[in-house]
Protein backbone atom coordinates (compact mmCIF):
# COMPACT_ATOMS: atom_id res chain seq x y z
CA UNK A 1 19.31 4.33 19.29
CA UNK A 2 18.68 6.71 16.01
CA UNK A 3 22.19 5.38 14.93
CA UNK A 4 21.07 1.98 14.82
CA UNK A 5 18.01 2.98 13.26
CA UNK A 6 19.89 4.70 10.39
CA UNK A 7 22.15 1.48 9.96
CA UNK A 8 18.76 -0.58 9.62
CA UNK A 9 17.45 1.59 6.80
CA UNK A 10 20.73 1.77 4.66
CA UNK A 11 20.70 -2.29 5.29
CA UNK A 12 17.33 -2.40 3.94
CA UNK A 13 17.70 0.26 0.83
CA UNK A 14 17.37 -1.14 -2.52
CA UNK A 15 20.13 0.19 -5.01
CA UNK A 16 19.33 0.35 -8.69
CA UNK A 17 23.00 -0.80 -10.47
CA UNK A 18 23.60 -0.63 -14.42
CA UNK A 19 25.67 -3.53 -15.48
CA UNK A 20 26.74 -4.52 -18.62
CA UNK A 21 25.21 -7.78 -20.37
CA UNK A 22 27.71 -10.56 -20.11
CA UNK A 23 25.76 -11.66 -23.55
CA UNK A 24 25.76 -8.82 -25.74
CA UNK A 25 27.28 -5.88 -23.58
CA UNK A 26 24.23 -3.78 -23.62
CA UNK A 27 23.32 -2.43 -20.24
CA UNK A 28 20.86 -3.98 -18.11
CA UNK A 29 19.47 -2.41 -14.79
CA UNK A 30 19.52 -4.44 -11.67
CA UNK A 31 18.12 -3.73 -8.43
CA UNK A 32 20.63 -4.79 -5.68
CA UNK A 33 20.06 -5.22 -1.98
CA UNK A 34 22.89 -6.30 0.21
CA UNK A 35 24.94 -7.58 -2.79
CA UNK A 36 21.98 -9.71 -4.29
CA UNK A 37 19.62 -8.93 -7.41
CA UNK A 38 15.99 -8.34 -6.18
CA UNK A 39 13.46 -9.68 -8.74
CA UNK A 40 14.64 -10.53 -12.23
CA UNK A 41 16.10 -8.25 -15.03
CA UNK A 42 16.33 -8.90 -18.83
CA UNK A 43 18.67 -7.35 -21.22
CA UNK A 44 16.35 -5.61 -23.85
CA UNK A 45 18.74 -6.23 -26.64
CA UNK A 46 19.49 -9.94 -26.64
CA UNK A 47 16.84 -11.43 -23.83
CA UNK A 48 19.72 -12.40 -21.47
CA UNK A 49 18.01 -12.98 -17.97
CA UNK A 50 19.47 -11.77 -14.69
CA UNK A 51 18.12 -14.39 -12.01
CA UNK A 52 16.52 -12.94 -8.78
CA UNK A 53 18.94 -13.39 -5.79
CA UNK A 54 22.02 -13.27 -7.98
CA UNK A 55 25.11 -12.30 -6.33
CA UNK A 56 26.40 -9.19 -7.73
CA UNK A 57 30.08 -10.29 -7.44
CA UNK A 58 29.22 -13.70 -9.99
CA UNK A 59 27.56 -11.02 -12.42
CA UNK A 60 30.88 -8.90 -12.38
CA UNK A 61 32.52 -12.10 -12.79
CA UNK A 62 30.35 -12.94 -15.98
CA UNK A 63 31.86 -9.43 -17.39
CA UNK A 64 35.45 -10.56 -16.76
CA UNK A 65 35.12 -13.79 -18.82
CA UNK A 66 32.48 -13.20 -21.63
CA UNK A 67 30.92 -16.65 -22.58
CA UNK A 68 30.12 -17.76 -19.21
CA UNK A 69 26.33 -17.75 -18.10
CA UNK A 70 25.37 -17.18 -14.15
CA UNK A 71 26.73 -20.11 -12.69
CA UNK A 72 28.82 -21.42 -15.34
CA UNK A 73 32.05 -21.49 -13.62
């Protein structure tokens, strides 16, 4: 039973990730749970906003293809 409790705790854990801003390339700190952002994050340099519940893979897709915003593909 203790193994299942440990798995549940790991699943509910929020991690902090630093990603490159798709707009200006500066660093944005985002909080991530289960591959999705929790809360909004804003680039301090240009104001680009990462919305709450954004899928982290889509954010990395924006980094691979600059000029595309979240959901533009």
